[in-house]
Amino acid sequence: MSKIKSIFSPLFFLALSFLMLGYAREAGAQVLYGSVSGTIADQSGAGVPRAHVTMTNRGTGVVREAEADENGYYRITDVPPGNYDLRVTATGFKPLTQTNLTVAANTVKDADVQLQVGAVSEQVARAMAKGALERSPADLAVAVTGVAGPTPDPDGNPVGLVHIVAARRSRATMHVQKRYGDLGRDTVLEQTMVDALLLLERVASQDD
């Protein structure tokens, strides 16, 4: 009997040691986080696809990032509790920053964002072309909005980004987005004129 005890006693203590070790590891690894999710939408309520979301902890500087899906939905997980600044950027829209967004442990923070259209955008170019037709007897109109340089615009749009829209009365409107890059202001303007005329020609040749 004593021999059996001598065998099982070490095994008992060994098993107990593993249990205690496992508990200690679990307790040490138990870090509580929160998460943030929401939808990035434009002024009409439509989702903005591929918008970029950046969260910065105001106290520690820790950064978390995510990209919205095709419907404008995003989710950022494993966010340490604290106060954050949330910044959203998307092509054609003005950047938006929400400050003092509080994230708590084991909670999901809802943070929907509505973006405003920037001056350099497809929407603005379309509105310009439409307005030109409404305010004149012309049957064709072309509108351009972009950043020729030498520096990015206040909304963060890069040099060389250009939106061109050509419209024909009672016909479909066409839009192209160009990213010429920083080729120099004069070169960007010249290339924009060429592409605007080409797009206008395409619209004018639409079948009646």
C-alpha atoms as a PDB file:
ATOM      1  CA  MET A   1       0.000   0.000   0.000  1.00  0.00           C
ATOM      2  CA  SER A   2       2.810   2.375   0.865  1.00  0.00           C
ATOM      3  CA  LYS A   3       4.412   1.512  -2.451  1.00  0.00           C
ATOM      4  CA  ILE A   4       1.238   2.519  -4.300  1.00  0.00           C
ATOM      5  CA  LYS A   5       1.140   5.785  -2.391  1.00  0.00           C
ATOM      6  CA  SER A   6       4.742   6.474  -3.273  1.00  0.00           C
ATOM      7  CA  ILE A   7       3.891   6.044  -6.964  1.00  0.00           C
ATOM      8  CA  PHE A   8       0.691   8.119  -7.018  1.00  0.00           C
ATOM      9  CA  SER A   9       1.857  10.948  -4.807  1.00  0.00           C
ATOM     10  CA  PRO A  10       4.378  12.308  -7.368  1.00  0.00           C
ATOM     11  CA  LEU A  11       1.782  11.823 -10.101  1.00  0.00           C
ATOM     12  CA  PHE A  12      -0.789  13.736  -8.084  1.00  0.00           C
ATOM     13  CA  PHE A  13       1.563  16.636  -7.454  1.00  0.00           C
ATOM     14  CA  LEU A  14       2.666  16.587 -11.090  1.00  0.00           C
ATOM     15  CA  ALA A  15      -0.946  16.815 -12.293  1.00  0.00           C
ATOM     16  CA  LEU A  16      -1.666  19.545  -9.776  1.00  0.00           C
ATOM     17  CA  SER A  17       1.389  21.468 -10.981  1.00  0.00           C
ATOM     18  CA  PHE A  18       0.169  21.310 -14.586  1.00  0.00           C
ATOM     19  CA  LEU A  19      -3.262  22.532 -13.554  1.00  0.00           C
ATOM     20  CA  MET A  20      -1.802  25.441 -11.614  1.00  0.00           C
ATOM     21  CA  LEU A  21       0.564  26.270 -14.477  1.00  0.00           C
ATOM     22  CA  GLY A  22      -2.326  26.268 -16.943  1.00  0.00           C
ATOM     23  CA  TYR A  23      -4.358  28.535 -14.683  1.00  0.00           C
ATOM     24  CA  ALA A  24      -1.457  30.928 -14.264  1.00  0.00           C
ATOM     25  CA  ARG A  25      -0.947  31.138 -18.026  1.00  0.00           C
ATOM     26  CA  GLU A  26      -4.634  31.729 -18.624  1.00  0.00           C
ATOM     27  CA  ALA A  27      -4.765  34.450 -16.001  1.00  0.00           C
ATOM     28  CA  GLY A  28      -1.619  36.097 -17.322  1.00  0.00           C
ATOM     29  CA  ALA A  29      -2.899  36.075 -20.907  1.00  0.00           C
ATOM     30  CA  GLN A  30      -6.296  37.469 -20.018  1.00  0.00           C
ATOM     31  CA  VAL A  31      -6.064  40.969 -21.481  1.00  0.00           C
ATOM     32  CA  LEU A  32      -9.385  42.716 -21.963  1.00  0.00           C
ATOM     33  CA  TYR A  33     -10.033  44.556 -25.214  1.00  0.00           C
ATOM     34  CA  GLY A  34     -12.896  46.299 -26.927  1.00  0.00           C
ATOM     35  CA  SER A  35     -13.838  46.717 -30.556  1.00  0.00           C
ATOM     36  CA  VAL A  36     -15.229  49.433 -32.798  1.00  0.00           C
ATOM     37  CA  SER A  37     -17.504  48.988 -35.792  1.00  0.00           C
ATOM     38  CA  GLY A  38     -19.728  51.101 -37.995  1.00  0.00           C
ATOM     39  CA  THR A  39     -20.683  52.153 -41.494  1.00  0.00           C
ATOM     40  CA  ILE A  40     -19.036  54.870 -43.568  1.00  0.00           C
ATOM     41  CA  ALA A  41     -21.709  56.616 -45.637  1.00  0.00           C
ATOM     42  CA  ASP A  42     -22.000  59.630 -47.907  1.00  0.00           C
ATOM     43  CA  GLN A  43     -24.541  62.405 -47.511  1.00  0.00           C
ATOM     44  CA  SER A  44     -27.221  60.349 -49.263  1.00  0.00           C
ATOM     45  CA  GLY A  45     -26.740  57.459 -46.851  1.00  0.00           C
ATOM     46  CA  ALA A  46     -25.028  55.180 -49.363  1.00  0.00           C
ATOM     47  CA  GLY A  47     -22.049  53.223 -48.091  1.00  0.00           C
ATOM     48  CA  VAL A  48     -18.578  54.421 -49.088  1.00  0.00           C
ATOM     49  CA  PRO A  49     -16.530  51.402 -50.196  1.00  0.00           C
ATOM     50  CA  ARG A  50     -12.880  50.973 -49.212  1.00  0.00           C
ATOM     51  CA  ALA A  51     -12.807  53.976 -46.898  1.00  0.00           C
ATOM     52  CA  HIS A  52      -9.747  53.891 -44.641  1.00  0.00           C
ATOM     53  CA  VAL A  53     -10.264  54.094 -40.873  1.00  0.00           C
ATOM     54  CA  THR A  54      -7.506  54.957 -38.408  1.00  0.00           C
ATOM     55  CA  MET A  55      -7.888  55.012 -34.628  1.00  0.00           C
ATOM     56  CA  THR A  56      -5.220  56.652 -32.478  1.00  0.00           C
ATOM     57  CA  ASN A  57      -5.129  56.345 -28.700  1.00  0.00           C
ATOM     58  CA  ARG A  58      -4.921  59.860 -27.285  1.00  0.00           C
ATOM     59  CA  GLY A  59      -2.850  58.753 -24.308  1.00  0.00           C
ATOM     60  CA  THR A  60      -0.476  56.119 -25.658  1.00  0.00           C
ATOM     61  CA  GLY A  61      -0.369  56.818 -29.391  1.00  0.00           C
ATOM     62  CA  VAL A  62      -1.359  53.224 -30.186  1.00  0.00           C
ATOM     63  CA  VAL A  63      -2.833  53.008 -33.688  1.00  0.00           C
ATOM     64  CA  ARG A  64      -5.401  50.575 -35.090  1.00  0.00           C
ATOM     65  CA  GLU A  65      -6.442  50.603 -38.760  1.00  0.00           C
ATOM     66  CA  ALA A  66      -9.043  48.997 -40.996  1.00  0.00           C
ATOM     67  CA  GLU A  67     -10.549  49.332 -44.457  1.00  0.00           C
ATOM     68  CA  ALA A  68     -14.284  49.389 -45.058  1.00  0.00           C
ATOM     69  CA  ASP A  69     -15.807  46.736 -47.285  1.00  0.00           C
ATOM     70  CA  GLU A  70     -17.803  47.299 -50.466  1.00  0.00           C
ATOM     71  CA  ASN A  71     -20.813  48.410 -48.398  1.00  0.00           C
ATOM     72  CA  GLY A  72     -18.845  50.847 -46.250  1.00  0.00           C
ATOM     73  CA  TYR A  73     -18.851  48.590 -43.170  1.00  0.00           C
ATOM     74  CA  TYR A  74     -15.733  48.336 -41.021  1.00  0.00           C
ATOM     75  CA  ARG A  75     -14.721  46.630 -37.787  1.00  0.00           C
ATOM     76  CA  ILE A  76     -11.607  47.069 -35.652  1.00  0.00           C
ATOM     77  CA  THR A  77     -10.948  44.428 -32.998  1.00  0.00           C
ATOM     78  CA  ASP A  78      -8.439  44.020 -30.138  1.00  0.00           C
ATOM     79  CA  VAL A  79      -8.608  47.691 -29.208  1.00  0.00           C
ATOM     80  CA  PRO A  80      -7.139  48.483 -25.759  1.00  0.00           C
ATOM     81  CA  PRO A  81      -9.558  50.493 -23.577  1.00  0.00           C
ATOM     82  CA  GLY A  82      -9.082  54.260 -23.716  1.00  0.00           C
ATOM     83  CA  ASN A  83      -9.931  57.461 -25.549  1.00  0.00           C
ATOM     84  CA  TYR A  84      -9.287  57.561 -29.278  1.00  0.00           C
ATOM     85  CA  ASP A  85      -9.373  59.873 -32.260  1.00  0.00           C
ATOM     86  CA  LEU A  86     -11.023  58.195 -35.256  1.00  0.00           C
ATOM     87  CA  ARG A  87     -10.042  59.463 -38.709  1.00  0.00           C
ATOM     88  CA  VAL A  88     -11.731  58.387 -41.944  1.00  0.00           C
ATOM     89  CA  THR A  89     -10.443  59.073 -45.437  1.00  0.00           C
ATOM     90  CA  ALA A  90     -11.853  58.104 -48.835  1.00  0.00           C
ATOM     91  CA  THR A  91     -11.171  59.188 -52.379  1.00  0.00           C
ATOM     92  CA  GLY A  92     -13.497  62.015 -53.405  1.00  0.00           C
ATOM     93  CA  PHE A  93     -14.505  62.904 -49.845  1.00  0.00           C
ATOM     94  CA  LYS A  94     -13.286  65.306 -47.205  1.00  0.00           C
ATOM     95  CA  PRO A  95     -11.374  63.608 -44.385  1.00  0.00           C
ATOM     96  CA  LEU A  96     -13.310  63.401 -41.140  1.00  0.00           C
ATOM     97  CA  THR A  97     -12.015  63.070 -37.578  1.00  0.00           C
ATOM     98  CA  GLN A  98     -14.053  62.162 -34.513  1.00  0.00           C
ATOM     99  CA  THR A  99     -12.291  62.950 -31.237  1.00  0.00           C
ATOM    100  CA  ASN A 100     -12.575  61.434 -27.755  1.00  0.00           C
ATOM    101  CA  LEU A 101     -14.128  58.165 -28.857  1.00  0.00           C
ATOM    102  CA  THR A 102     -14.206  56.026 -25.700  1.00  0.00           C
ATOM    103  CA  VAL A 103     -13.559  52.296 -26.005  1.00  0.00           C
ATOM    104  CA  ALA A 104     -14.313  50.038 -23.032  1.00  0.00           C
ATOM    105  CA  ALA A 105     -13.240  46.442 -22.404  1.00  0.00           C
ATOM    106  CA  ASN A 106     -15.513  43.653 -23.650  1.00  0.00           C
ATOM    107  CA  THR A 107     -17.784  46.056 -25.518  1.00  0.00           C
ATOM    108  CA  VAL A 108     -18.441  46.931 -29.162  1.00  0.00           C
ATOM    109  CA  LYS A 109     -18.453  50.675 -29.788  1.00  0.00           C
ATOM    110  CA  ASP A 110     -20.720  51.850 -32.601  1.00  0.00           C
ATOM    111  CA  ALA A 111     -19.096  54.596 -34.648  1.00  0.00           C
ATOM    112  CA  ASP A 112     -20.984  55.373 -37.853  1.00  0.00           C
ATOM    113  CA  VAL A 113     -19.499  58.139 -39.972  1.00  0.00           C
ATOM    114  CA  GLN A 114     -20.996  60.373 -42.667  1.00  0.00           C
ATOM    115  CA  LEU A 115     -18.545  61.890 -45.129  1.00  0.00           C
ATOM    116  CA  GLN A 116     -18.990  65.051 -47.148  1.00  0.00           C
ATOM    117  CA  VAL A 117     -18.074  65.183 -50.800  1.00  0.00           C
ATOM    118  CA  GLY A 118     -14.809  66.965 -51.465  1.00  0.00           C
ATOM    119  CA  ALA A 119     -14.222  69.531 -54.188  1.00  0.00           C
ATOM    120  CA  VAL A 120     -12.175  66.987 -56.135  1.00  0.00           C
ATOM    121  CA  SER A 121     -14.681  64.205 -56.719  1.00  0.00           C
ATOM    122  CA  GLU A 122     -16.806  62.465 -59.315  1.00  0.00           C
ATOM    123  CA  GLN A 123     -19.959  63.863 -57.721  1.00  0.00           C
ATOM    124  CA  VAL A 124     -18.794  67.453 -58.066  1.00  0.00           C
ATOM    125  CA  ALA A 125     -17.693  66.970 -61.684  1.00  0.00           C
ATOM    126  CA  ARG A 126     -21.066  65.430 -62.549  1.00  0.00           C
ATOM    127  CA  ALA A 127     -22.917  68.306 -60.891  1.00  0.00           C
ATOM    128  CA  MET A 128     -20.816  70.823 -62.830  1.00  0.00           C
ATOM    129  CA  ALA A 129     -21.535  69.171 -66.188  1.00  0.00           C
ATOM    130  CA  LYS A 130     -25.233  68.859 -65.396  1.00  0.00           C
ATOM    131  CA  GLY A 131     -25.392  72.500 -64.344  1.00  0.00           C
ATOM    132  CA  ALA A 132     -23.709  73.623 -67.552  1.00  0.00           C
ATOM    133  CA  LEU A 133     -26.395  71.924 -69.649  1.00  0.00           C
ATOM    134  CA  GLU A 134     -29.192  73.304 -67.494  1.00  0.00           C
ATOM    135  CA  ARG A 135     -27.916  76.872 -67.747  1.00  0.00           C
ATOM    136  CA  SER A 136     -27.123  77.003 -71.472  1.00  0.00           C
ATOM    137  CA  PRO A 137     -28.583  75.940 -74.813  1.00  0.00           C
ATOM    138  CA  ALA A 138     -25.558  73.702 -75.468  1.00  0.00           C
ATOM    139  CA  ASP A 139     -26.072  69.980 -76.089  1.00  0.00           C
ATOM    140  CA  LEU A 140     -22.607  68.991 -74.839  1.00  0.00           C
ATOM    141  CA  ALA A 141     -20.692  69.873 -71.674  1.00  0.00           C
ATOM    142  CA  VAL A 142     -17.463  68.781 -70.068  1.00  0.00           C
ATOM    143  CA  ALA A 143     -16.382  69.407 -66.484  1.00  0.00           C
ATOM    144  CA  VAL A 144     -13.054  68.855 -64.769  1.00  0.00           C
ATOM    145  CA  THR A 145     -12.008  68.948 -61.141  1.00  0.00           C
ATOM    146  CA  GLY A 146      -8.607  67.877 -59.889  1.00  0.00           C
ATOM    147  CA  VAL A 147      -5.282  68.673 -58.296  1.00  0.00           C
ATOM    148  CA  ALA A 148      -2.692  70.012 -60.729  1.00  0.00           C
ATOM    149  CA  GLY A 149      -0.113  70.770 -58.051  1.00  0.00           C
ATOM    150  CA  PRO A 150       2.363  71.624 -56.848  1.00  0.00           C
ATOM    151  CA  THR A 151       0.995  70.220 -53.545  1.00  0.00           C
ATOM    152  CA  PRO A 152      -1.967  68.013 -52.517  1.00  0.00           C
ATOM    153  CA  ASP A 153      -5.234  69.792 -51.811  1.00  0.00           C
ATOM    154  CA  PRO A 154      -6.547  70.460 -48.263  1.00  0.00           C
ATOM    155  CA  ASP A 155      -8.613  67.255 -48.392  1.00  0.00           C
ATOM    156  CA  GLY A 156      -5.491  65.180 -48.916  1.00  0.00           C
ATOM    157  CA  ASN A 157      -6.072  64.360 -52.590  1.00  0.00           C
ATOM    158  CA  PRO A 158      -2.750  63.756 -54.335  1.00  0.00           C
ATOM    159  CA  VAL A 159      -1.254  65.810 -57.111  1.00  0.00           C
ATOM    160  CA  GLY A 160      -2.388  64.462 -60.471  1.00  0.00           C
ATOM    161  CA  LEU A 161      -5.799  63.182 -59.358  1.00  0.00           C
ATOM    162  CA  VAL A 162      -8.398  64.434 -61.855  1.00  0.00           C
ATOM    163  CA  HIS A 163     -12.084  63.691 -62.416  1.00  0.00           C
ATOM    164  CA  ILE A 164     -13.468  64.357 -65.903  1.00  0.00           C
ATOM    165  CA  VAL A 165     -17.158  64.226 -66.785  1.00  0.00           C
ATOM    166  CA  ALA A 166     -18.678  64.695 -70.232  1.00  0.00           C
ATOM    167  CA  ALA A 167     -22.436  65.075 -70.644  1.00  0.00           C
ATOM    168  CA  ARG A 168     -24.814  65.160 -73.574  1.00  0.00           C
ATOM    169  CA  ARG A 169     -28.363  66.385 -73.296  1.00  0.00           C
ATOM    170  CA  SER A 170     -30.801  63.475 -72.935  1.00  0.00           C
ATOM    171  CA  ARG A 171     -27.951  60.964 -73.096  1.00  0.00           C
ATOM    172  CA  ALA A 172     -25.793  59.088 -70.625  1.00  0.00           C
ATOM    173  CA  THR A 173     -23.074  61.001 -68.801  1.00  0.00           C
ATOM    174  CA  MET A 174     -19.539  59.593 -68.826  1.00  0.00           C
ATOM    175  CA  HIS A 175     -16.913  59.883 -66.123  1.00  0.00           C
ATOM    176  CA  VAL A 176     -13.234  58.989 -65.966  1.00  0.00           C
ATOM    177  CA  GLN A 177     -10.801  59.275 -63.098  1.00  0.00           C
ATOM    178  CA  LYS A 178      -7.169  59.935 -63.909  1.00  0.00           C
ATOM    179  CA  ARG A 179      -4.113  59.624 -61.708  1.00  0.00           C
ATOM    180  CA  TYR A 180      -1.380  61.317 -63.665  1.00  0.00           C
ATOM    181  CA  GLY A 181       0.983  61.610 -60.749  1.00  0.00           C
ATOM    182  CA  ASP A 182       3.228  64.551 -59.953  1.00  0.00           C
ATOM    183  CA  LEU A 183       4.266  65.320 -63.524  1.00  0.00           C
ATOM    184  CA  GLY A 184       4.340  69.073 -63.021  1.00  0.00           C
ATOM    185  CA  ARG A 185       1.405  71.463 -63.069  1.00  0.00           C
ATOM    186  CA  ASP A 186       1.601  72.319 -66.780  1.00  0.00           C
ATOM    187  CA  THR A 187       1.859  68.681 -67.853  1.00  0.00           C
ATOM    188  CA  VAL A 188      -1.106  67.658 -65.710  1.00  0.00           C
ATOM    189  CA  LEU A 189      -3.206  70.475 -67.176  1.00  0.00           C
ATOM    190  CA  GLU A 190      -2.225  69.596 -70.753  1.00  0.00           C
ATOM    191  CA  GLN A 191      -2.980  65.906 -70.293  1.00  0.00           C
ATOM    192  CA  THR A 192      -6.304  66.753 -68.651  1.00  0.00           C
ATOM    193  CA  MET A 193      -7.326  68.845 -71.667  1.00  0.00           C
ATOM    194  CA  VAL A 194      -6.472  66.003 -74.049  1.00  0.00           C
ATOM    195  CA  ASP A 195      -8.431  63.429 -72.054  1.00  0.00           C
ATOM    196  CA  ALA A 196     -11.368  65.798 -71.589  1.00  0.00           C
ATOM    197  CA  LEU A 197     -11.660  66.303 -75.356  1.00  0.00           C
ATOM    198  CA  LEU A 198     -11.409  62.545 -75.964  1.00  0.00           C
ATOM    199  CA  LEU A 199     -14.186  61.871 -73.463  1.00  0.00           C
ATOM    200  CA  LEU A 200     -16.316  64.629 -74.974  1.00  0.00           C
ATOM    201  CA  GLU A 201     -15.836  63.024 -78.398  1.00  0.00           C
ATOM    202  CA  ARG A 202     -17.024  59.677 -77.011  1.00  0.00           C
ATOM    203  CA  VAL A 203     -20.162  61.260 -75.554  1.00  0.00           C
ATOM    204  CA  ALA A 204     -20.886  63.166 -78.776  1.00  0.00           C
ATOM    205  CA  SER A 205     -20.645  59.966 -80.842  1.00  0.00           C
ATOM    206  CA  GLN A 206     -23.298  58.142 -78.805  1.00  0.00           C
ATOM    207  CA  ASP A 207     -26.050  56.729 -80.986  1.00  0.00           C
ATOM    208  CA  ASP A 208     -29.235  58.787 -81.151  1.00  0.00           C
END
